[in-house]
Amino acid sequence: MTHYVAIIEDAGPDFAVGVWFPDLPGCFSAGDTLDEALTNAPEAMALWFEDIEAEGRTVPRARTPSELKADPEIAADMAKYAIALIPAPDLALQPAAE
């Protein structure tokens, strides 16, 4: 099963917890708690995939955490925030390392 790296931004109890995917531009999720944000993340990803496929575009390959850490723009966010691996919905995706 393919997993995408998610960056988790938790700004404290007065703000929603945000989840976004470096490999899926514009795909994000949120929740009042970390658990809620992570529960919502697969649904956000599935809807994003549907939109991409409806536009005739290809779903991007999931990069491994090591590949993302080698990207200077993403590495700073990985160092600052927590990350999680979110399973992709069952679609014909090119698998990345698990």
PDB file of N, CA and C in Angstrom:
ATOM      1  N   MET A   1       0.846  -1.180   0.000  1.00  0.00           N
ATOM      2  CA  MET A   1       0.000   0.000   0.000  1.00  0.00           C
ATOM      3  C   MET A   1       0.893   1.246   0.000  1.00  0.00           C
ATOM      4  N   THR A   2       0.510   2.213  -0.772  1.00  0.00           N
ATOM      5  CA  THR A   2       1.243   3.471  -0.867  1.00  0.00           C
ATOM      6  C   THR A   2       0.841   4.405   0.277  1.00  0.00           C
ATOM      7  N   HIS A   3       1.823   5.072   0.839  1.00  0.00           N
ATOM      8  CA  HIS A   3       1.592   6.064   1.890  1.00  0.00           C
ATOM      9  C   HIS A   3       2.201   7.397   1.448  1.00  0.00           C
ATOM     10  N   TYR A   4       1.512   8.479   1.769  1.00  0.00           N
ATOM     11  CA  TYR A   4       2.031   9.821   1.513  1.00  0.00           C
ATOM     12  C   TYR A   4       2.429  10.450   2.847  1.00  0.00           C
ATOM     13  N   VAL A   5       3.525  11.187   2.820  1.00  0.00           N
ATOM     14  CA  VAL A   5       3.969  11.917   4.004  1.00  0.00           C
ATOM     15  C   VAL A   5       3.052  13.123   4.200  1.00  0.00           C
ATOM     16  N   ALA A   6       2.594  13.291   5.435  1.00  0.00           N
ATOM     17  CA  ALA A   6       1.786  14.445   5.808  1.00  0.00           C
ATOM     18  C   ALA A   6       2.563  15.272   6.826  1.00  0.00           C
ATOM     19  N   ILE A   7       2.502  16.578   6.674  1.00  0.00           N
ATOM     20  CA  ILE A   7       3.080  17.506   7.640  1.00  0.00           C
ATOM     21  C   ILE A   7       1.943  17.948   8.554  1.00  0.00           C
ATOM     22  N   ILE A   8       2.174  17.888   9.862  1.00  0.00           N
ATOM     23  CA  ILE A   8       1.127  18.198  10.839  1.00  0.00           C
ATOM     24  C   ILE A   8       1.502  19.482  11.567  1.00  0.00           C
ATOM     25  N   GLU A   9       0.658  20.492  11.426  1.00  0.00           N
ATOM     26  CA  GLU A   9       0.890  21.780  12.077  1.00  0.00           C
ATOM     27  C   GLU A   9      -0.125  21.962  13.198  1.00  0.00           C
ATOM     28  N   ASP A  10       0.351  21.994  14.427  1.00  0.00           N
ATOM     29  CA  ASP A  10      -0.506  22.180  15.593  1.00  0.00           C
ATOM     30  C   ASP A  10      -0.099  23.482  16.264  1.00  0.00           C
ATOM     31  N   ALA A  11      -0.923  24.512  16.096  1.00  0.00           N
ATOM     32  CA  ALA A  11      -0.590  25.846  16.614  1.00  0.00           C
ATOM     33  C   ALA A  11      -1.126  26.068  18.026  1.00  0.00           C
ATOM     34  N   GLY A  12      -1.645  25.037  18.652  1.00  0.00           N
ATOM     35  CA  GLY A  12      -2.115  25.177  20.017  1.00  0.00           C
ATOM     36  C   GLY A  12      -3.611  25.001  20.150  1.00  0.00           C
ATOM     37  N   PRO A  13      -4.109  25.047  21.385  1.00  0.00           N
ATOM     38  CA  PRO A  13      -5.509  24.720  21.656  1.00  0.00           C
ATOM     39  C   PRO A  13      -6.528  25.693  21.064  1.00  0.00           C
ATOM     40  N   ASP A  14      -6.115  26.874  20.713  1.00  0.00           N
ATOM     41  CA  ASP A  14      -7.050  27.857  20.159  1.00  0.00           C
ATOM     42  C   ASP A  14      -7.160  27.798  18.639  1.00  0.00           C
ATOM     43  N   PHE A  15      -6.449  26.853  18.007  1.00  0.00           N
ATOM     44  CA  PHE A  15      -6.420  26.757  16.552  1.00  0.00           C
ATOM     45  C   PHE A  15      -6.651  25.318  16.114  1.00  0.00           C
ATOM     46  N   ALA A  16      -7.123  25.161  14.899  1.00  0.00           N
ATOM     47  CA  ALA A  16      -7.279  23.824  14.332  1.00  0.00           C
ATOM     48  C   ALA A  16      -5.907  23.225  14.056  1.00  0.00           C
ATOM     49  N   VAL A  17      -5.850  21.910  14.080  1.00  0.00           N
ATOM     50  CA  VAL A  17      -4.634  21.198  13.700  1.00  0.00           C
ATOM     51  C   VAL A  17      -4.696  21.001  12.188  1.00  0.00           C
ATOM     52  N   GLY A  18      -3.672  21.430  11.488  1.00  0.00           N
ATOM     53  CA  GLY A  18      -3.633  21.325  10.030  1.00  0.00           C
ATOM     54  C   GLY A  18      -2.755  20.184   9.572  1.00  0.00           C
ATOM     55  N   VAL A  19      -3.161  19.534   8.500  1.00  0.00           N
ATOM     56  CA  VAL A  19      -2.388  18.459   7.876  1.00  0.00           C
ATOM     57  C   VAL A  19      -2.304  18.762   6.391  1.00  0.00           C
ATOM     58  N   TRP A  20      -1.081  18.745   5.843  1.00  0.00           N
ATOM     59  CA  TRP A  20      -0.926  18.947   4.399  1.00  0.00           C
ATOM     60  C   TRP A  20       0.123  17.982   3.872  1.00  0.00           C
ATOM     61  N   PHE A  21       0.067  17.770   2.565  1.00  0.00           N
ATOM     62  CA  PHE A  21       0.888  16.761   1.905  1.00  0.00           C
ATOM     63  C   PHE A  21       1.845  17.430   0.913  1.00  0.00           C
ATOM     64  N   PRO A  22       3.154  17.351   1.157  1.00  0.00           N
ATOM     65  CA  PRO A  22       4.106  17.979   0.242  1.00  0.00           C
ATOM     66  C   PRO A  22       3.999  17.480  -1.200  1.00  0.00           C
ATOM     67  N   ASP A  23       3.617  16.221  -1.400  1.00  0.00           N
ATOM     68  CA  ASP A  23       3.531  15.669  -2.750  1.00  0.00           C
ATOM     69  C   ASP A  23       2.189  15.923  -3.419  1.00  0.00           C
ATOM     70  N   LEU A  24       1.233  16.491  -2.677  1.00  0.00           N
ATOM     71  CA  LEU A  24      -0.108  16.721  -3.216  1.00  0.00           C
ATOM     72  C   LEU A  24      -0.466  18.189  -3.035  1.00  0.00           C
ATOM     73  N   PRO A  25       0.035  19.065  -3.911  1.00  0.00           N
ATOM     74  CA  PRO A  25      -0.175  20.510  -3.754  1.00  0.00           C
ATOM     75  C   PRO A  25      -1.659  20.868  -3.655  1.00  0.00           C
ATOM     76  N   GLY A  26      -1.999  21.592  -2.607  1.00  0.00           N
ATOM     77  CA  GLY A  26      -3.376  22.023  -2.406  1.00  0.00           C
ATOM     78  C   GLY A  26      -4.228  21.037  -1.630  1.00  0.00           C
ATOM     79  N   CYS A  27      -3.692  19.887  -1.302  1.00  0.00           N
ATOM     80  CA  CYS A  27      -4.428  18.888  -0.517  1.00  0.00           C
ATOM     81  C   CYS A  27      -4.111  19.113   0.955  1.00  0.00           C
ATOM     82  N   PHE A  28      -5.148  19.370   1.732  1.00  0.00           N
ATOM     83  CA  PHE A  28      -4.948  19.596   3.156  1.00  0.00           C
ATOM     84  C   PHE A  28      -6.173  19.130   3.924  1.00  0.00           C
ATOM     85  N   SER A  29      -5.983  18.957   5.203  1.00  0.00           N
ATOM     86  CA  SER A  29      -7.039  18.529   6.101  1.00  0.00           C
ATOM     87  C   SER A  29      -6.864  19.294   7.400  1.00  0.00           C
ATOM     88  N   ALA A  30      -7.888  19.270   8.230  1.00  0.00           N
ATOM     89  CA  ALA A  30      -7.792  19.924   9.531  1.00  0.00           C
ATOM     90  C   ALA A  30      -8.768  19.250  10.489  1.00  0.00           C
ATOM     91  N   GLY A  31      -8.585  19.560  11.735  1.00  0.00           N
ATOM     92  CA  GLY A  31      -9.484  19.068  12.766  1.00  0.00           C
ATOM     93  C   GLY A  31      -9.246  19.821  14.053  1.00  0.00           C
ATOM     94  N   ASP A  32     -10.192  19.721  14.967  1.00  0.00           N
ATOM     95  CA  ASP A  32     -10.048  20.398  16.253  1.00  0.00           C
ATOM     96  C   ASP A  32      -8.970  19.755  17.118  1.00  0.00           C
ATOM     97  N   THR A  33      -8.701  18.471  16.868  1.00  0.00           N
ATOM     98  CA  THR A  33      -7.664  17.751  17.601  1.00  0.00           C
ATOM     99  C   THR A  33      -6.750  17.054  16.597  1.00  0.00           C
ATOM    100  N   LEU A  34      -5.607  16.597  17.073  1.00  0.00           N
ATOM    101  CA  LEU A  34      -4.697  15.843  16.216  1.00  0.00           C
ATOM    102  C   LEU A  34      -5.381  14.595  15.680  1.00  0.00           C
ATOM    103  N   ASP A  35      -6.078  13.884  16.546  1.00  0.00           N
ATOM    104  CA  ASP A  35      -6.768  12.660  16.113  1.00  0.00           C
ATOM    105  C   ASP A  35      -7.780  12.957  15.013  1.00  0.00           C
ATOM    106  N   GLU A  36      -8.542  14.021  15.181  1.00  0.00           N
ATOM    107  CA  GLU A  36      -9.550  14.385  14.181  1.00  0.00           C
ATOM    108  C   GLU A  36      -8.897  14.776  12.856  1.00  0.00           C
ATOM    109  N   ALA A  37      -7.826  15.536  12.923  1.00  0.00           N
ATOM    110  CA  ALA A  37      -7.132  15.957  11.701  1.00  0.00           C
ATOM    111  C   ALA A  37      -6.585  14.751  10.948  1.00  0.00           C
ATOM    112  N   LEU A  38      -6.003  13.785  11.674  1.00  0.00           N
ATOM    113  CA  LEU A  38      -5.466  12.593  11.020  1.00  0.00           C
ATOM    114  C   LEU A  38      -6.572  11.684  10.498  1.00  0.00           C
ATOM    115  N   THR A  39      -7.705  11.651  11.178  1.00  0.00           N
ATOM    116  CA  THR A  39      -8.849  10.875  10.694  1.00  0.00           C
ATOM    117  C   THR A  39      -9.399  11.477   9.409  1.00  0.00           C
ATOM    118  N   ASN A  40      -9.386  12.795   9.304  1.00  0.00           N
ATOM    119  CA  ASN A  40      -9.911  13.484   8.123  1.00  0.00           C
ATOM    120  C   ASN A  40      -8.954  13.436   6.930  1.00  0.00           C
ATOM    121  N   ALA A  41      -7.673  13.202   7.177  1.00  0.00           N
ATOM    122  CA  ALA A  41      -6.664  13.275   6.119  1.00  0.00           C
ATOM    123  C   ALA A  41      -6.908  12.303   4.955  1.00  0.00           C
ATOM    124  N   PRO A  42      -7.226  11.023   5.179  1.00  0.00           N
ATOM    125  CA  PRO A  42      -7.459  10.131   4.038  1.00  0.00           C
ATOM    126  C   PRO A  42      -8.630  10.565   3.158  1.00  0.00           C
ATOM    127  N   GLU A  43      -9.673  11.107   3.766  1.00  0.00           N
ATOM    128  CA  GLU A  43     -10.806  11.579   2.976  1.00  0.00           C
ATOM    129  C   GLU A  43     -10.406  12.778   2.114  1.00  0.00           C
ATOM    130  N   ALA A  44      -9.623  13.687   2.681  1.00  0.00           N
ATOM    131  CA  ALA A  44      -9.146  14.837   1.906  1.00  0.00           C
ATOM    132  C   ALA A  44      -8.302  14.363   0.735  1.00  0.00           C
ATOM    133  N   MET A  45      -7.461  13.369   0.985  1.00  0.00           N
ATOM    134  CA  MET A  45      -6.613  12.818  -0.069  1.00  0.00           C
ATOM    135  C   MET A  45      -7.457  12.169  -1.165  1.00  0.00           C
ATOM    136  N   ALA A  46      -8.460  11.408  -0.793  1.00  0.00           N
ATOM    137  CA  ALA A  46      -9.321  10.741  -1.776  1.00  0.00           C
ATOM    138  C   ALA A  46     -10.042  11.764  -2.655  1.00  0.00           C
ATOM    139  N   LEU A  47     -10.551  12.825  -2.046  1.00  0.00           N
ATOM    140  CA  LEU A  47     -11.234  13.872  -2.821  1.00  0.00           C
ATOM    141  C   LEU A  47     -10.253  14.583  -3.750  1.00  0.00           C
ATOM    142  N   TRP A  48      -9.042  14.825  -3.282  1.00  0.00           N
ATOM    143  CA  TRP A  48      -8.017  15.471  -4.104  1.00  0.00           C
ATOM    144  C   TRP A  48      -7.685  14.595  -5.302  1.00  0.00           C
ATOM    145  N   PHE A  49      -7.534  13.280  -5.068  1.00  0.00           N
ATOM    146  CA  PHE A  49      -7.257  12.346  -6.164  1.00  0.00           C
ATOM    147  C   PHE A  49      -8.384  12.350  -7.189  1.00  0.00           C
ATOM    148  N   GLU A  50      -9.626  12.362  -6.723  1.00  0.00           N
ATOM    149  CA  GLU A  50     -10.776  12.393  -7.640  1.00  0.00           C
ATOM    150  C   GLU A  50     -10.716  13.631  -8.534  1.00  0.00           C
ATOM    151  N   ASP A  51     -10.423  14.773  -7.937  1.00  0.00           N
ATOM    152  CA  ASP A  51     -10.337  16.019  -8.711  1.00  0.00           C
ATOM    153  C   ASP A  51      -9.218  15.952  -9.747  1.00  0.00           C
ATOM    154  N   ILE A  52      -8.068  15.457  -9.357  1.00  0.00           N
ATOM    155  CA  ILE A  52      -6.925  15.357 -10.262  1.00  0.00           C
ATOM    156  C   ILE A  52      -7.258  14.438 -11.433  1.00  0.00           C
ATOM    157  N   GLU A  53      -7.830  13.295 -11.127  1.00  0.00           N
ATOM    158  CA  GLU A  53      -8.163  12.336 -12.183  1.00  0.00           C
ATOM    159  C   GLU A  53      -9.258  12.879 -13.096  1.00  0.00           C
ATOM    160  N   ALA A  54     -10.232  13.612 -12.540  1.00  0.00           N
ATOM    161  CA  ALA A  54     -11.293  14.212 -13.356  1.00  0.00           C
ATOM    162  C   ALA A  54     -10.728  15.242 -14.327  1.00  0.00           C
ATOM    163  N   GLU A  55      -9.635  15.879 -13.940  1.00  0.00           N
ATOM    164  CA  GLU A  55      -8.967  16.859 -14.800  1.00  0.00           C
ATOM    165  C   GLU A  55      -8.049  16.193 -15.815  1.00  0.00           C
ATOM    166  N   GLY A  56      -7.920  14.867 -15.731  1.00  0.00           N
ATOM    167  CA  GLY A  56      -7.069  14.139 -16.660  1.00  0.00           C
ATOM    168  C   GLY A  56      -5.598  14.165 -16.297  1.00  0.00           C
ATOM    169  N   ARG A  57      -5.290  14.598 -15.081  1.00  0.00           N
ATOM    170  CA  ARG A  57      -3.903  14.637 -14.640  1.00  0.00           C
ATOM    171  C   ARG A  57      -3.551  13.355 -13.894  1.00  0.00           C
ATOM    172  N   THR A  58      -2.276  13.103 -13.764  1.00  0.00           N
ATOM    173  CA  THR A  58      -1.784  11.922 -13.083  1.00  0.00           C
ATOM    174  C   THR A  58      -1.526  12.234 -11.615  1.00  0.00           C
ATOM    175  N   VAL A  59      -1.880  11.300 -10.748  1.00  0.00           N
ATOM    176  CA  VAL A  59      -1.606  11.451  -9.324  1.00  0.00           C
ATOM    177  C   VAL A  59      -0.090  11.370  -9.121  1.00  0.00           C
ATOM    178  N   PRO A  60       0.492  12.324  -8.407  1.00  0.00           N
ATOM    179  CA  PRO A  60       1.946  12.308  -8.196  1.00  0.00           C
ATOM    180  C   PRO A  60       2.404  11.084  -7.405  1.00  0.00           C
ATOM    181  N   ARG A  61       3.605  10.666  -7.708  1.00  0.00           N
ATOM    182  CA  ARG A  61       4.232   9.568  -6.970  1.00  0.00           C
ATOM    183  C   ARG A  61       4.494  10.025  -5.537  1.00  0.00           C
ATOM    184  N   ALA A  62       4.279   9.131  -4.604  1.00  0.00           N
ATOM    185  CA  ALA A  62       4.578   9.421  -3.206  1.00  0.00           C
ATOM    186  C   ALA A  62       6.083   9.298  -2.984  1.00  0.00           C
ATOM    187  N   ARG A  63       6.701  10.376  -2.515  1.00  0.00           N
ATOM    188  CA  ARG A  63       8.122  10.310  -2.180  1.00  0.00           C
ATOM    189  C   ARG A  63       8.282   9.764  -0.766  1.00  0.00           C
ATOM    190  N   THR A  64       9.395   9.122  -0.532  1.00  0.00           N
ATOM    191  CA  THR A  64       9.695   8.602   0.795  1.00  0.00           C
ATOM    192  C   THR A  64      10.062   9.757   1.720  1.00  0.00           C
ATOM    193  N   PRO A  65      10.007   9.529   3.033  1.00  0.00           N
ATOM    194  CA  PRO A  65      10.464  10.577   3.949  1.00  0.00           C
ATOM    195  C   PRO A  65      11.909  11.007   3.674  1.00  0.00           C
ATOM    196  N   SER A  66      12.764  10.069   3.311  1.00  0.00           N
ATOM    197  CA  SER A  66      14.165  10.419   3.002  1.00  0.00           C
ATOM    198  C   SER A  66      14.255  11.304   1.770  1.00  0.00           C
ATOM    199  N   GLU A  67      13.464  11.009   0.752  1.00  0.00           N
ATOM    200  CA  GLU A  67      13.458  11.848  -0.454  1.00  0.00           C
ATOM    201  C   GLU A  67      12.974  13.256  -0.118  1.00  0.00           C
ATOM    202  N   LEU A  68      11.935  13.357   0.685  1.00  0.00           N
ATOM    203  CA  LEU A  68      11.410  14.668   1.058  1.00  0.00           C
ATOM    204  C   LEU A  68      12.407  15.438   1.915  1.00  0.00           C
ATOM    205  N   LYS A  69      13.107  14.739   2.794  1.00  0.00           N
ATOM    206  CA  LYS A  69      14.093  15.401   3.647  1.00  0.00           C
ATOM    207  C   LYS A  69      15.249  15.969   2.829  1.00  0.00           C
ATOM    208  N   ALA A  70      15.501  15.390   1.672  1.00  0.00           N
ATOM    209  CA  ALA A  70      16.557  15.890   0.790  1.00  0.00           C
ATOM    210  C   ALA A  70      16.124  17.135   0.022  1.00  0.00           C
ATOM    211  N   ASP A  71      14.842  17.461   0.037  1.00  0.00           N
ATOM    212  CA  ASP A  71      14.305  18.653  -0.621  1.00  0.00           C
ATOM    213  C   ASP A  71      14.366  19.802   0.392  1.00  0.00           C
ATOM    214  N   PRO A  72      15.228  20.803   0.173  1.00  0.00           N
ATOM    215  CA  PRO A  72      15.408  21.873   1.166  1.00  0.00           C
ATOM    216  C   PRO A  72      14.111  22.581   1.563  1.00  0.00           C
ATOM    217  N   GLU A  73      13.193  22.757   0.633  1.00  0.00           N
ATOM    218  CA  GLU A  73      11.944  23.437   0.956  1.00  0.00           C
ATOM    219  C   GLU A  73      11.095  22.622   1.923  1.00  0.00           C
ATOM    220  N   ILE A  74      11.113  21.315   1.783  1.00  0.00           N
ATOM    221  CA  ILE A  74      10.316  20.439   2.636  1.00  0.00           C
ATOM    222  C   ILE A  74      11.062  20.096   3.919  1.00  0.00           C
ATOM    223  N   ALA A  75      12.369  19.981   3.852  1.00  0.00           N
ATOM    224  CA  ALA A  75      13.166  19.590   5.013  1.00  0.00           C
ATOM    225  C   ALA A  75      12.943  20.536   6.190  1.00  0.00           C
ATOM    226  N   ALA A  76      12.833  21.816   5.921  1.00  0.00           N
ATOM    227  CA  ALA A  76      12.619  22.784   7.004  1.00  0.00           C
ATOM    228  C   ALA A  76      11.292  22.522   7.708  1.00  0.00           C
ATOM    229  N   ASP A  77      10.246  22.224   6.952  1.00  0.00           N
ATOM    230  CA  ASP A  77       8.950  21.919   7.559  1.00  0.00           C
ATOM    231  C   ASP A  77       8.992  20.596   8.309  1.00  0.00           C
ATOM    232  N   MET A  78       9.713  19.613   7.777  1.00  0.00           N
ATOM    233  CA  MET A  78       9.830  18.325   8.465  1.00  0.00           C
ATOM    234  C   MET A  78      10.562  18.477   9.787  1.00  0.00           C
ATOM    235  N   ALA A  79      11.509  19.387   9.858  1.00  0.00           N
ATOM    236  CA  ALA A  79      12.243  19.614  11.096  1.00  0.00           C
ATOM    237  C   ALA A  79      11.408  20.387  12.116  1.00  0.00           C
ATOM    238  N   LYS A  80      10.526  21.240  11.625  1.00  0.00           N
ATOM    239  CA  LYS A  80       9.742  22.110  12.504  1.00  0.00           C
ATOM    240  C   LYS A  80       8.468  21.440  13.013  1.00  0.00           C
ATOM    241  N   TYR A  81       7.846  20.601  12.181  1.00  0.00           N
ATOM    242  CA  TYR A  81       6.551  20.009  12.509  1.00  0.00           C
ATOM    243  C   TYR A  81       6.638  18.488  12.574  1.00  0.00           C
ATOM    244  N   ALA A  82       5.596  17.887  13.116  1.00  0.00           N
ATOM    245  CA  ALA A  82       5.496  16.427  13.124  1.00  0.00           C
ATOM    246  C   ALA A  82       5.104  15.950  11.731  1.00  0.00           C
ATOM    247  N   ILE A  83       5.431  14.688  11.443  1.00  0.00           N
ATOM    248  CA  ILE A  83       5.009  14.098  10.181  1.00  0.00           C
ATOM    249  C   ILE A  83       4.273  12.793  10.473  1.00  0.00           C
ATOM    250  N   ALA A  84       3.478  12.362   9.512  1.00  0.00           N
ATOM    251  CA  ALA A  84       2.781  11.083   9.595  1.00  0.00           C
ATOM    252  C   ALA A  84       2.730  10.494   8.198  1.00  0.00           C
ATOM    253  N   LEU A  85       2.623   9.189   8.120  1.00  0.00           N
ATOM    254  CA  LEU A  85       2.413   8.509   6.845  1.00  0.00           C
ATOM    255  C   LEU A  85       0.939   8.164   6.751  1.00  0.00           C
ATOM    256  N   ILE A  86       0.287   8.690   5.722  1.00  0.00           N
ATOM    257  CA  ILE A  86      -1.146   8.490   5.538  1.00  0.00           C
ATOM    258  C   ILE A  86      -1.349   7.543   4.353  1.00  0.00           C
ATOM    259  N   PRO A  87      -2.095   6.449   4.548  1.00  0.00           N
ATOM    260  CA  PRO A  87      -2.313   5.511   3.440  1.00  0.00           C
ATOM    261  C   PRO A  87      -3.159   6.149   2.340  1.00  0.00           C
ATOM    262  N   ALA A  88      -2.762   5.906   1.123  1.00  0.00           N
ATOM    263  CA  ALA A  88      -3.504   6.408  -0.030  1.00  0.00           C
ATOM    264  C   ALA A  88      -4.728   5.532  -0.251  1.00  0.00           C
ATOM    265  N   PRO A  89      -5.792   6.110  -0.795  1.00  0.00           N
ATOM    266  CA  PRO A  89      -6.956   5.293  -1.140  1.00  0.00           C
ATOM    267  C   PRO A  89      -6.580   4.274  -2.216  1.00  0.00           C
ATOM    268  N   ASP A  90      -7.372   3.244  -2.343  1.00  0.00           N
ATOM    269  CA  ASP A  90      -7.104   2.208  -3.343  1.00  0.00           C
ATOM    270  C   ASP A  90      -7.290   2.761  -4.757  1.00  0.00           C
ATOM    271  N   LEU A  91      -6.197   3.193  -5.323  1.00  0.00           N
ATOM    272  CA  LEU A  91      -6.179   3.687  -6.690  1.00  0.00           C
ATOM    273  C   LEU A  91      -4.956   3.096  -7.355  1.00  0.00           C
ATOM    274  N   ALA A  92      -4.876   3.177  -8.646  1.00  0.00           N
ATOM    275  CA  ALA A  92      -3.714   2.671  -9.370  1.00  0.00           C
ATOM    276  C   ALA A  92      -2.579   3.669  -9.207  1.00  0.00           C
ATOM    277  N   LEU A  93      -1.825   3.533  -8.140  1.00  0.00           N
ATOM    278  CA  LEU A  93      -0.734   4.460  -7.858  1.00  0.00           C
ATOM    279  C   LEU A  93       0.590   3.749  -8.012  1.00  0.00           C
ATOM    280  N   GLN A  94       1.602   4.513  -8.321  1.00  0.00           N
ATOM    281  CA  GLN A  94       2.956   3.979  -8.356  1.00  0.00           C
ATOM    282  C   GLN A  94       3.445   3.924  -6.904  1.00  0.00           C
ATOM    283  N   PRO A  95       3.749   2.739  -6.377  1.00  0.00           N
ATOM    284  CA  PRO A  95       4.109   2.646  -4.967  1.00  0.00           C
ATOM    285  C   PRO A  95       5.469   3.253  -4.652  1.00  0.00           C
ATOM    286  N   ALA A  96       5.559   3.785  -3.468  1.00  0.00           N
ATOM    287  CA  ALA A  96       6.828   4.278  -2.925  1.00  0.00           C
ATOM    288  C   ALA A  96       7.240   3.316  -1.821  1.00  0.00           C
ATOM    289  N   ALA A  97       8.358   3.543  -1.228  1.00  0.00           N
ATOM    290  CA  ALA A  97       8.812   2.686  -0.136  1.00  0.00           C
ATOM    291  C   ALA A  97       7.805   2.771   1.010  1.00  0.00           C
ATOM    292  N   GLU A  98       7.602   1.692   1.659  1.00  0.00           N
ATOM    293  CA  GLU A  98       6.637   1.645   2.770  1.00  0.00           C
ATOM    294  C   GLU A  98       7.348   1.910   4.062  1.00  0.00           C
TER     295      GLU A  98
END
